[in-house]
Amino acid sequence: LTPSYAAGRDELVAISRAVGATGQGVLQLVTDWDDDTIE
């Protein structure tokens, strides 16, 4: 599986916060939208 598959929430939020702190940039994500994980 791709190395990012099971990355933790803290990791993704921290990277997103760092992107936001630059005042520019966007985020893009792909997921499976399974019933078990959609929420």
PDB file of all heavy atoms in Angstrom:
ATOM      1  N   LEU A   1       0.829  -1.201   0.000  1.00  0.00           N
ATOM      2  CA  LEU A   1       0.000   0.000   0.000  1.00  0.00           C
ATOM      3  C   LEU A   1       0.867   1.256   0.000  1.00  0.00           C
ATOM      4  O   LEU A   1       1.982   1.263   0.516  1.00  0.00           O
ATOM      5  CB  LEU A   1      -0.900   0.013   1.245  1.00  0.00           C
ATOM      6  CG  LEU A   1      -2.068  -0.975   1.231  1.00  0.00           C
ATOM      7  CD1 LEU A   1      -2.688  -1.071   2.615  1.00  0.00           C
ATOM      8  CD2 LEU A   1      -3.117  -0.560   0.207  1.00  0.00           C
ATOM      9  N   THR A   2       0.346   2.321  -0.599  1.00  0.00           N
ATOM     10  CA  THR A   2       1.067   3.584  -0.625  1.00  0.00           C
ATOM     11  C   THR A   2       1.436   4.013   0.787  1.00  0.00           C
ATOM     12  O   THR A   2       0.667   3.800   1.738  1.00  0.00           O
ATOM     13  CB  THR A   2       0.223   4.669  -1.321  1.00  0.00           C
ATOM     14  OG1 THR A   2       0.983   5.873  -1.418  1.00  0.00           O
ATOM     15  CG2 THR A   2      -1.062   4.958  -0.566  1.00  0.00           C
ATOM     16  N   PRO A   3       2.619   4.589   0.993  1.00  0.00           N
ATOM     17  CA  PRO A   3       3.071   4.934   2.347  1.00  0.00           C
ATOM     18  C   PRO A   3       2.132   5.852   3.107  1.00  0.00           C
ATOM     19  O   PRO A   3       2.135   5.860   4.342  1.00  0.00           O
ATOM     20  CB  PRO A   3       4.418   5.622   2.090  1.00  0.00           C
ATOM     21  CG  PRO A   3       4.908   5.031   0.819  1.00  0.00           C
ATOM     22  CD  PRO A   3       3.682   4.812  -0.012  1.00  0.00           C
ATOM     23  N   SER A   4       1.324   6.642   2.402  1.00  0.00           N
ATOM     24  CA  SER A   4       0.435   7.585   3.104  1.00  0.00           C
ATOM     25  C   SER A   4      -0.862   6.945   3.569  1.00  0.00           C
ATOM     26  O   SER A   4      -1.642   7.590   4.277  1.00  0.00           O
ATOM     27  CB  SER A   4       0.106   8.765   2.185  1.00  0.00           C
ATOM     28  OG  SER A   4      -0.612   8.331   1.043  1.00  0.00           O
ATOM     29  N   TYR A   5      -1.112   5.678   3.209  1.00  0.00           N
ATOM     30  CA  TYR A   5      -2.429   5.075   3.430  1.00  0.00           C
ATOM     31  C   TYR A   5      -2.893   5.167   4.877  1.00  0.00           C
ATOM     32  O   TYR A   5      -4.028   5.562   5.154  1.00  0.00           O
ATOM     33  CB  TYR A   5      -2.435   3.606   2.977  1.00  0.00           C
ATOM     34  CG  TYR A   5      -3.735   2.914   3.306  1.00  0.00           C
ATOM     35  CD1 TYR A   5      -4.885   3.179   2.567  1.00  0.00           C
ATOM     36  CD2 TYR A   5      -3.824   2.021   4.365  1.00  0.00           C
ATOM     37  CE1 TYR A   5      -6.084   2.570   2.875  1.00  0.00           C
ATOM     38  CE2 TYR A   5      -5.019   1.400   4.682  1.00  0.00           C
ATOM     39  CZ  TYR A   5      -6.154   1.675   3.936  1.00  0.00           C
ATOM     40  OH  TYR A   5      -7.344   1.062   4.254  1.00  0.00           O
ATOM     41  N   ALA A   6      -2.038   4.791   5.798  1.00  0.00           N
ATOM     42  CA  ALA A   6      -2.447   4.727   7.199  1.00  0.00           C
ATOM     43  C   ALA A   6      -1.876   5.873   8.033  1.00  0.00           C
ATOM     44  O   ALA A   6      -1.796   5.771   9.263  1.00  0.00           O
ATOM     45  CB  ALA A   6      -2.019   3.391   7.807  1.00  0.00           C
ATOM     46  N   ALA A   7      -1.503   6.956   7.385  1.00  0.00           N
ATOM     47  CA  ALA A   7      -0.968   8.093   8.138  1.00  0.00           C
ATOM     48  C   ALA A   7      -1.975   8.573   9.167  1.00  0.00           C
ATOM     49  O   ALA A   7      -3.190   8.633   8.908  1.00  0.00           O
ATOM     50  CB  ALA A   7      -0.620   9.224   7.183  1.00  0.00           C
ATOM     51  N   GLY A   8      -1.487   8.933  10.342  1.00  0.00           N
ATOM     52  CA  GLY A   8      -2.367   9.334  11.424  1.00  0.00           C
ATOM     53  C   GLY A   8      -2.983  10.715  11.222  1.00  0.00           C
ATOM     54  O   GLY A   8      -2.463  11.551  10.473  1.00  0.00           O
ATOM     55  N   ARG A   9      -4.070  10.934  11.921  1.00  0.00           N
ATOM     56  CA  ARG A   9      -4.761  12.219  11.851  1.00  0.00           C
ATOM     57  C   ARG A   9      -3.834  13.364  12.268  1.00  0.00           C
ATOM     58  O   ARG A   9      -3.819  14.422  11.634  1.00  0.00           O
ATOM     59  CB  ARG A   9      -5.999  12.169  12.757  1.00  0.00           C
ATOM     60  CG  ARG A   9      -6.771  13.481  12.862  1.00  0.00           C
ATOM     61  CD  ARG A   9      -7.811  13.372  13.975  1.00  0.00           C
ATOM     62  NE  ARG A   9      -8.473  14.637  14.218  1.00  0.00           N
ATOM     63  CZ  ARG A   9      -9.699  14.943  13.822  1.00  0.00           C
ATOM     64  NH1 ARG A   9     -10.391  14.065  13.127  1.00  0.00           N
ATOM     65  NH2 ARG A   9     -10.222  16.117  14.115  1.00  0.00           N
ATOM     66  N   ASP A  10      -3.069  13.158  13.348  1.00  0.00           N
ATOM     67  CA  ASP A  10      -2.177  14.222  13.821  1.00  0.00           C
ATOM     68  C   ASP A  10      -1.201  14.639  12.735  1.00  0.00           C
ATOM     69  O   ASP A  10      -0.897  15.830  12.573  1.00  0.00           O
ATOM     70  CB  ASP A  10      -1.410  13.763  15.059  1.00  0.00           C
ATOM     71  CG  ASP A  10      -2.300  13.642  16.299  1.00  0.00           C
ATOM     72  OD1 ASP A  10      -3.450  14.112  16.242  1.00  0.00           O
ATOM     73  OD2 ASP A  10      -1.837  13.070  17.296  1.00  0.00           O
ATOM     74  N   GLU A  11      -0.685  13.661  12.004  1.00  0.00           N
ATOM     75  CA  GLU A  11       0.266  13.937  10.930  1.00  0.00           C
ATOM     76  C   GLU A  11      -0.374  14.783   9.833  1.00  0.00           C
ATOM     77  O   GLU A  11       0.180  15.799   9.397  1.00  0.00           O
ATOM     78  CB  GLU A  11       0.758  12.604  10.356  1.00  0.00           C
ATOM     79  CG  GLU A  11       1.693  12.733   9.181  1.00  0.00           C
ATOM     80  CD  GLU A  11       2.120  11.362   8.659  1.00  0.00           C
ATOM     81  OE1 GLU A  11       2.149  10.389   9.454  1.00  0.00           O
ATOM     82  OE2 GLU A  11       2.418  11.265   7.449  1.00  0.00           O
ATOM     83  N   LEU A  12      -1.541  14.376   9.377  1.00  0.00           N
ATOM     84  CA  LEU A  12      -2.205  15.082   8.283  1.00  0.00           C
ATOM     85  C   LEU A  12      -2.645  16.481   8.696  1.00  0.00           C
ATOM     86  O   LEU A  12      -2.538  17.432   7.914  1.00  0.00           O
ATOM     87  CB  LEU A  12      -3.395  14.260   7.783  1.00  0.00           C
ATOM     88  CG  LEU A  12      -3.002  13.040   6.946  1.00  0.00           C
ATOM     89  CD1 LEU A  12      -4.130  12.032   6.886  1.00  0.00           C
ATOM     90  CD2 LEU A  12      -2.586  13.470   5.546  1.00  0.00           C
ATOM     91  N   VAL A  13      -3.122  16.603   9.905  1.00  0.00           N
ATOM     92  CA  VAL A  13      -3.546  17.923  10.380  1.00  0.00           C
ATOM     93  C   VAL A  13      -2.339  18.845  10.536  1.00  0.00           C
ATOM     94  O   VAL A  13      -2.394  20.036  10.186  1.00  0.00           O
ATOM     95  CB  VAL A  13      -4.327  17.790  11.704  1.00  0.00           C
ATOM     96  CG1 VAL A  13      -4.531  19.155  12.358  1.00  0.00           C
ATOM     97  CG2 VAL A  13      -5.681  17.127  11.450  1.00  0.00           C
ATOM     98  N   ALA A  14      -1.227  18.308  11.035  1.00  0.00           N
ATOM     99  CA  ALA A  14      -0.031  19.135  11.215  1.00  0.00           C
ATOM    100  C   ALA A  14       0.510  19.622   9.873  1.00  0.00           C
ATOM    101  O   ALA A  14       0.898  20.793   9.727  1.00  0.00           O
ATOM    102  CB  ALA A  14       1.046  18.353  11.964  1.00  0.00           C
ATOM    103  N   ILE A  15       0.542  18.739   8.880  1.00  0.00           N
ATOM    104  CA  ILE A  15       1.007  19.161   7.548  1.00  0.00           C
ATOM    105  C   ILE A  15       0.059  20.193   6.971  1.00  0.00           C
ATOM    106  O   ILE A  15       0.485  21.205   6.394  1.00  0.00           O
ATOM    107  CB  ILE A  15       1.142  17.940   6.620  1.00  0.00           C
ATOM    108  CG1 ILE A  15       2.221  16.994   7.132  1.00  0.00           C
ATOM    109  CG2 ILE A  15       1.458  18.397   5.195  1.00  0.00           C
ATOM    110  CD1 ILE A  15       2.291  15.666   6.388  1.00  0.00           C
ATOM    111  N   SER A  16      -1.238  19.971   7.124  1.00  0.00           N
ATOM    112  CA  SER A  16      -2.228  20.930   6.617  1.00  0.00           C
ATOM    113  C   SER A  16      -2.055  22.289   7.286  1.00  0.00           C
ATOM    114  O   SER A  16      -2.137  23.335   6.623  1.00  0.00           O
ATOM    115  CB  SER A  16      -3.642  20.388   6.858  1.00  0.00           C
ATOM    116  OG  SER A  16      -3.844  19.153   6.210  1.00  0.00           O
ATOM    117  N   ARG A  17      -1.807  22.280   8.582  1.00  0.00           N
ATOM    118  CA  ARG A  17      -1.619  23.544   9.311  1.00  0.00           C
ATOM    119  C   ARG A  17      -0.377  24.270   8.792  1.00  0.00           C
ATOM    120  O   ARG A  17      -0.382  25.500   8.619  1.00  0.00           O
ATOM    121  CB  ARG A  17      -1.507  23.276  10.804  1.00  0.00           C
ATOM    122  CG  ARG A  17      -1.405  24.566  11.648  1.00  0.00           C
ATOM    123  CD  ARG A  17      -1.385  24.247  13.136  1.00  0.00           C
ATOM    124  NE  ARG A  17      -2.652  23.669  13.573  1.00  0.00           N
ATOM    125  CZ  ARG A  17      -2.811  22.405  13.983  1.00  0.00           C
ATOM    126  NH1 ARG A  17      -1.763  21.575  14.002  1.00  0.00           N
ATOM    127  NH2 ARG A  17      -3.986  21.968  14.360  1.00  0.00           N
ATOM    128  N   ALA A  18       0.681  23.521   8.524  1.00  0.00           N
ATOM    129  CA  ALA A  18       1.907  24.134   8.011  1.00  0.00           C
ATOM    130  C   ALA A  18       1.683  24.742   6.628  1.00  0.00           C
ATOM    131  O   ALA A  18       2.202  25.821   6.314  1.00  0.00           O
ATOM    132  CB  ALA A  18       3.023  23.091   7.958  1.00  0.00           C
ATOM    133  N   VAL A  19       0.901  24.050   5.790  1.00  0.00           N
ATOM    134  CA  VAL A  19       0.559  24.606   4.481  1.00  0.00           C
ATOM    135  C   VAL A  19      -0.225  25.907   4.663  1.00  0.00           C
ATOM    136  O   VAL A  19       0.059  26.927   4.032  1.00  0.00           O
ATOM    137  CB  VAL A  19      -0.252  23.592   3.646  1.00  0.00           C
ATOM    138  CG1 VAL A  19      -0.820  24.248   2.390  1.00  0.00           C
ATOM    139  CG2 VAL A  19       0.615  22.389   3.261  1.00  0.00           C
ATOM    140  N   GLY A  20      -1.216  25.877   5.535  1.00  0.00           N
ATOM    141  CA  GLY A  20      -2.032  27.063   5.771  1.00  0.00           C
ATOM    142  C   GLY A  20      -1.232  28.244   6.286  1.00  0.00           C
ATOM    143  O   GLY A  20      -1.536  29.402   5.957  1.00  0.00           O
ATOM    144  N   ALA A  21      -0.222  27.957   7.079  1.00  0.00           N
ATOM    145  CA  ALA A  21       0.586  29.045   7.659  1.00  0.00           C
ATOM    146  C   ALA A  21       1.349  29.827   6.597  1.00  0.00           C
ATOM    147  O   ALA A  21       1.752  30.968   6.841  1.00  0.00           O
ATOM    148  CB  ALA A  21       1.557  28.469   8.690  1.00  0.00           C
ATOM    149  N   THR A  22       1.529  29.247   5.419  1.00  0.00           N
ATOM    150  CA  THR A  22       2.211  29.972   4.343  1.00  0.00           C
ATOM    151  C   THR A  22       1.288  31.004   3.693  1.00  0.00           C
ATOM    152  O   THR A  22       1.759  31.864   2.943  1.00  0.00           O
ATOM    153  CB  THR A  22       2.709  29.012   3.250  1.00  0.00           C
ATOM    154  OG1 THR A  22       1.578  28.456   2.550  1.00  0.00           O
ATOM    155  CG2 THR A  22       3.561  27.897   3.840  1.00  0.00           C
ATOM    156  N   GLY A  23      -0.006  30.871   3.921  1.00  0.00           N
ATOM    157  CA  GLY A  23      -0.967  31.785   3.317  1.00  0.00           C
ATOM    158  C   GLY A  23      -1.293  31.468   1.876  1.00  0.00           C
ATOM    159  O   GLY A  23      -1.935  32.264   1.186  1.00  0.00           O
ATOM    160  N   GLN A  24      -0.880  30.308   1.405  1.00  0.00           N
ATOM    161  CA  GLN A  24      -1.153  29.904   0.026  1.00  0.00           C
ATOM    162  C   GLN A  24      -1.200  28.391  -0.041  1.00  0.00           C
ATOM    163  O   GLN A  24      -0.963  27.694   0.937  1.00  0.00           O
ATOM    164  CB  GLN A  24      -0.080  30.451  -0.928  1.00  0.00           C
ATOM    165  CG  GLN A  24       1.333  30.007  -0.592  1.00  0.00           C
ATOM    166  CD  GLN A  24       2.396  30.869  -1.251  1.00  0.00           C
ATOM    167  OE1 GLN A  24       2.424  32.085  -1.067  1.00  0.00           O
ATOM    168  NE2 GLN A  24       3.276  30.249  -2.025  1.00  0.00           N
ATOM    169  N   GLY A  25      -1.550  27.866  -1.221  1.00  0.00           N
ATOM    170  CA  GLY A  25      -1.578  26.418  -1.394  1.00  0.00           C
ATOM    171  C   GLY A  25      -2.954  25.821  -1.193  1.00  0.00           C
ATOM    172  O   GLY A  25      -3.841  26.421  -0.576  1.00  0.00           O
ATOM    173  N   VAL A  26      -3.126  24.602  -1.724  1.00  0.00           N
ATOM    174  CA  VAL A  26      -4.384  23.874  -1.623  1.00  0.00           C
ATOM    175  C   VAL A  26      -4.085  22.469  -1.125  1.00  0.00           C
ATOM    176  O   VAL A  26      -2.922  22.037  -1.073  1.00  0.00           O
ATOM    177  CB  VAL A  26      -5.113  23.817  -2.985  1.00  0.00           C
ATOM    178  CG1 VAL A  26      -5.447  25.217  -3.476  1.00  0.00           C
ATOM    179  CG2 VAL A  26      -4.281  23.058  -4.023  1.00  0.00           C
ATOM    180  N   LEU A  27      -5.133  21.732  -0.780  1.00  0.00           N
ATOM    181  CA  LEU A  27      -5.017  20.347  -0.337  1.00  0.00           C
ATOM    182  C   LEU A  27      -5.812  19.451  -1.279  1.00  0.00           C
ATOM    183  O   LEU A  27      -6.878  19.845  -1.762  1.00  0.00           O
ATOM    184  CB  LEU A  27      -5.546  20.176   1.090  1.00  0.00           C
ATOM    185  CG  LEU A  27      -5.028  21.125   2.169  1.00  0.00           C
ATOM    186  CD1 LEU A  27      -5.744  20.846   3.492  1.00  0.00           C
ATOM    187  CD2 LEU A  27      -3.519  20.968   2.348  1.00  0.00           C
ATOM    188  N   GLN A  28      -5.303  18.231  -1.516  1.00  0.00           N
ATOM    189  CA  GLN A  28      -6.028  17.264  -2.345  1.00  0.00           C
ATOM    190  C   GLN A  28      -5.894  15.887  -1.729  1.00  0.00           C
ATOM    191  O   GLN A  28      -4.814  15.497  -1.266  1.00  0.00           O
ATOM    192  CB  GLN A  28      -5.479  17.257  -3.776  1.00  0.00           C
ATOM    193  CG  GLN A  28      -6.208  16.328  -4.744  1.00  0.00           C
ATOM    194  CD  GLN A  28      -5.577  14.947  -4.890  1.00  0.00           C
ATOM    195  OE1 GLN A  28      -4.388  14.777  -4.622  1.00  0.00           O
ATOM    196  NE2 GLN A  28      -6.351  13.963  -5.293  1.00  0.00           N
ATOM    197  N   LEU A  29      -7.005  15.130  -1.731  1.00  0.00           N
ATOM    198  CA  LEU A  29      -7.037  13.826  -1.075  1.00  0.00           C
ATOM    199  C   LEU A  29      -7.865  12.852  -1.893  1.00  0.00           C
ATOM    200  O   LEU A  29      -8.877  13.221  -2.496  1.00  0.00           O
ATOM    201  CB  LEU A  29      -7.622  13.970   0.333  1.00  0.00           C
ATOM    202  CG  LEU A  29      -7.855  12.718   1.175  1.00  0.00           C
ATOM    203  CD1 LEU A  29      -7.582  13.003   2.659  1.00  0.00           C
ATOM    204  CD2 LEU A  29      -9.298  12.212   1.038  1.00  0.00           C
ATOM    205  N   VAL A  30      -7.438  11.586  -1.888  1.00  0.00           N
ATOM    206  CA  VAL A  30      -8.237  10.515  -2.477  1.00  0.00           C
ATOM    207  C   VAL A  30      -8.421   9.442  -1.424  1.00  0.00           C
ATOM    208  O   VAL A  30      -7.493   9.093  -0.687  1.00  0.00           O
ATOM    209  CB  VAL A  30      -7.567   9.940  -3.748  1.00  0.00           C
ATOM    210  CG1 VAL A  30      -6.163   9.445  -3.478  1.00  0.00           C
ATOM    211  CG2 VAL A  30      -8.413   8.823  -4.355  1.00  0.00           C
ATOM    212  N   THR A  31      -9.667   8.943  -1.308  1.00  0.00           N
ATOM    213  CA  THR A  31      -9.981   7.907  -0.343  1.00  0.00           C
ATOM    214  C   THR A  31     -11.019   6.975  -0.957  1.00  0.00           C
ATOM    215  O   THR A  31     -11.516   7.214  -2.055  1.00  0.00           O
ATOM    216  CB  THR A  31     -10.485   8.510   0.985  1.00  0.00           C
ATOM    217  OG1 THR A  31     -10.635   7.461   1.956  1.00  0.00           O
ATOM    218  CG2 THR A  31     -11.820   9.221   0.798  1.00  0.00           C
ATOM    219  N   ASP A  32     -11.374   5.893  -0.242  1.00  0.00           N
ATOM    220  CA  ASP A  32     -12.257   4.874  -0.806  1.00  0.00           C
ATOM    221  C   ASP A  32     -13.745   5.129  -0.567  1.00  0.00           C
ATOM    222  O   ASP A  32     -14.579   4.525  -1.221  1.00  0.00           O
ATOM    223  CB  ASP A  32     -11.902   3.495  -0.236  1.00  0.00           C
ATOM    224  CG  ASP A  32     -10.561   2.990  -0.745  1.00  0.00           C
ATOM    225  OD1 ASP A  32     -10.250   3.225  -1.921  1.00  0.00           O
ATOM    226  OD2 ASP A  32      -9.833   2.362   0.039  1.00  0.00           O
ATOM    227  N   TRP A  33     -14.072   5.984   0.393  1.00  0.00           N
ATOM    228  CA  TRP A  33     -15.473   6.237   0.745  1.00  0.00           C
ATOM    229  C   TRP A  33     -16.221   4.944   1.094  1.00  0.00           C
ATOM    230  O   TRP A  33     -17.351   4.720   0.667  1.00  0.00           O
ATOM    231  CB  TRP A  33     -16.213   6.965  -0.390  1.00  0.00           C
ATOM    232  CG  TRP A  33     -15.620   8.282  -0.767  1.00  0.00           C
ATOM    233  CD1 TRP A  33     -15.078   8.620  -1.970  1.00  0.00           C
ATOM    234  CD2 TRP A  33     -15.498   9.452   0.053  1.00  0.00           C
ATOM    235  NE1 TRP A  33     -14.626   9.908  -1.959  1.00  0.00           N
ATOM    236  CE2 TRP A  33     -14.874  10.452  -0.730  1.00  0.00           C
ATOM    237  CE3 TRP A  33     -15.867   9.749   1.362  1.00  0.00           C
ATOM    238  CZ2 TRP A  33     -14.598  11.724  -0.244  1.00  0.00           C
ATOM    239  CZ3 TRP A  33     -15.589  11.010   1.855  1.00  0.00           C
ATOM    240  CH2 TRP A  33     -14.964  11.977   1.055  1.00  0.00           C
ATOM    241  N   ASP A  34     -15.574   4.071   1.872  1.00  0.00           N
ATOM    242  CA  ASP A  34     -16.241   2.859   2.334  1.00  0.00           C
ATOM    243  C   ASP A  34     -17.264   3.203   3.407  1.00  0.00           C
ATOM    244  O   ASP A  34     -17.089   4.155   4.173  1.00  0.00           O
ATOM    245  CB  ASP A  34     -15.224   1.871   2.920  1.00  0.00           C
ATOM    246  CG  ASP A  34     -14.381   1.215   1.849  1.00  0.00           C
ATOM    247  OD1 ASP A  34     -14.842   1.155   0.687  1.00  0.00           O
ATOM    248  OD2 ASP A  34     -13.259   0.770   2.163  1.00  0.00           O
ATOM    249  N   ASP A  35     -18.319   2.388   3.501  1.00  0.00           N
ATOM    250  CA  ASP A  35     -19.340   2.634   4.517  1.00  0.00           C
ATOM    251  C   ASP A  35     -18.749   2.612   5.920  1.00  0.00           C
ATOM    252  O   ASP A  35     -19.182   3.358   6.807  1.00  0.00           O
ATOM    253  CB  ASP A  35     -20.459   1.586   4.411  1.00  0.00           C
ATOM    254  CG  ASP A  35     -21.438   1.888   3.293  1.00  0.00           C
ATOM    255  OD1 ASP A  35     -21.513   3.065   2.878  1.00  0.00           O
ATOM    256  OD2 ASP A  35     -22.111   0.959   2.820  1.00  0.00           O
ATOM    257  N   ASP A  36     -17.753   1.755   6.130  1.00  0.00           N
ATOM    258  CA  ASP A  36     -17.165   1.619   7.462  1.00  0.00           C
ATOM    259  C   ASP A  36     -16.322   2.826   7.859  1.00  0.00           C
ATOM    260  O   ASP A  36     -16.091   3.073   9.044  1.00  0.00           O
ATOM    261  CB  ASP A  36     -16.282   0.361   7.535  1.00  0.00           C
ATOM    262  CG  ASP A  36     -17.090  -0.918   7.429  1.00  0.00           C
ATOM    263  OD1 ASP A  36     -18.312  -0.863   7.655  1.00  0.00           O
ATOM    264  OD2 ASP A  36     -16.501  -1.956   7.095  1.00  0.00           O
ATOM    265  N   THR A  37     -15.845   3.578   6.872  1.00  0.00           N
ATOM    266  CA  THR A  37     -14.920   4.667   7.175  1.00  0.00           C
ATOM    267  C   THR A  37     -15.396   6.029   6.694  1.00  0.00           C
ATOM    268  O   THR A  37     -14.695   7.016   6.907  1.00  0.00           O
ATOM    269  CB  THR A  37     -13.544   4.385   6.531  1.00  0.00           C
ATOM    270  OG1 THR A  37     -13.710   4.310   5.100  1.00  0.00           O
ATOM    271  CG2 THR A  37     -12.954   3.081   7.043  1.00  0.00           C
ATOM    272  N   ILE A  38     -16.559   6.093   6.076  1.00  0.00           N
ATOM    273  CA  ILE A  38     -16.942   7.340   5.417  1.00  0.00           C
ATOM    274  C   ILE A  38     -17.085   8.494   6.401  1.00  0.00           C
ATOM    275  O   ILE A  38     -16.647   9.614   6.130  1.00  0.00           O
ATOM    276  CB  ILE A  38     -18.236   7.141   4.581  1.00  0.00           C
ATOM    277  CG1 ILE A  38     -18.443   8.336   3.653  1.00  0.00           C
ATOM    278  CG2 ILE A  38     -19.450   6.890   5.462  1.00  0.00           C
ATOM    279  CD1 ILE A  38     -19.480   8.071   2.577  1.00  0.00           C
ATOM    280  N   GLU A  39     -17.645   8.233   7.588  1.00  0.00           N
ATOM    281  CA  GLU A  39     -17.777   9.309   8.571  1.00  0.00           C
ATOM    282  C   GLU A  39     -16.410   9.735   9.106  1.00  0.00           C
ATOM    283  O   GLU A  39     -16.168  10.923   9.342  1.00  0.00           O
ATOM    284  CB  GLU A  39     -18.699   8.871   9.713  1.00  0.00           C
ATOM    285  CG  GLU A  39     -20.155   8.691   9.312  1.00  0.00           C
ATOM    286  CD  GLU A  39     -20.785   9.965   8.741  1.00  0.00           C
ATOM    287  OE1 GLU A  39     -20.377  11.082   9.169  1.00  0.00           O
ATOM    288  OE2 GLU A  39     -21.656   9.857   7.869  1.00  0.00           O
TER     289      GLU A  39
END
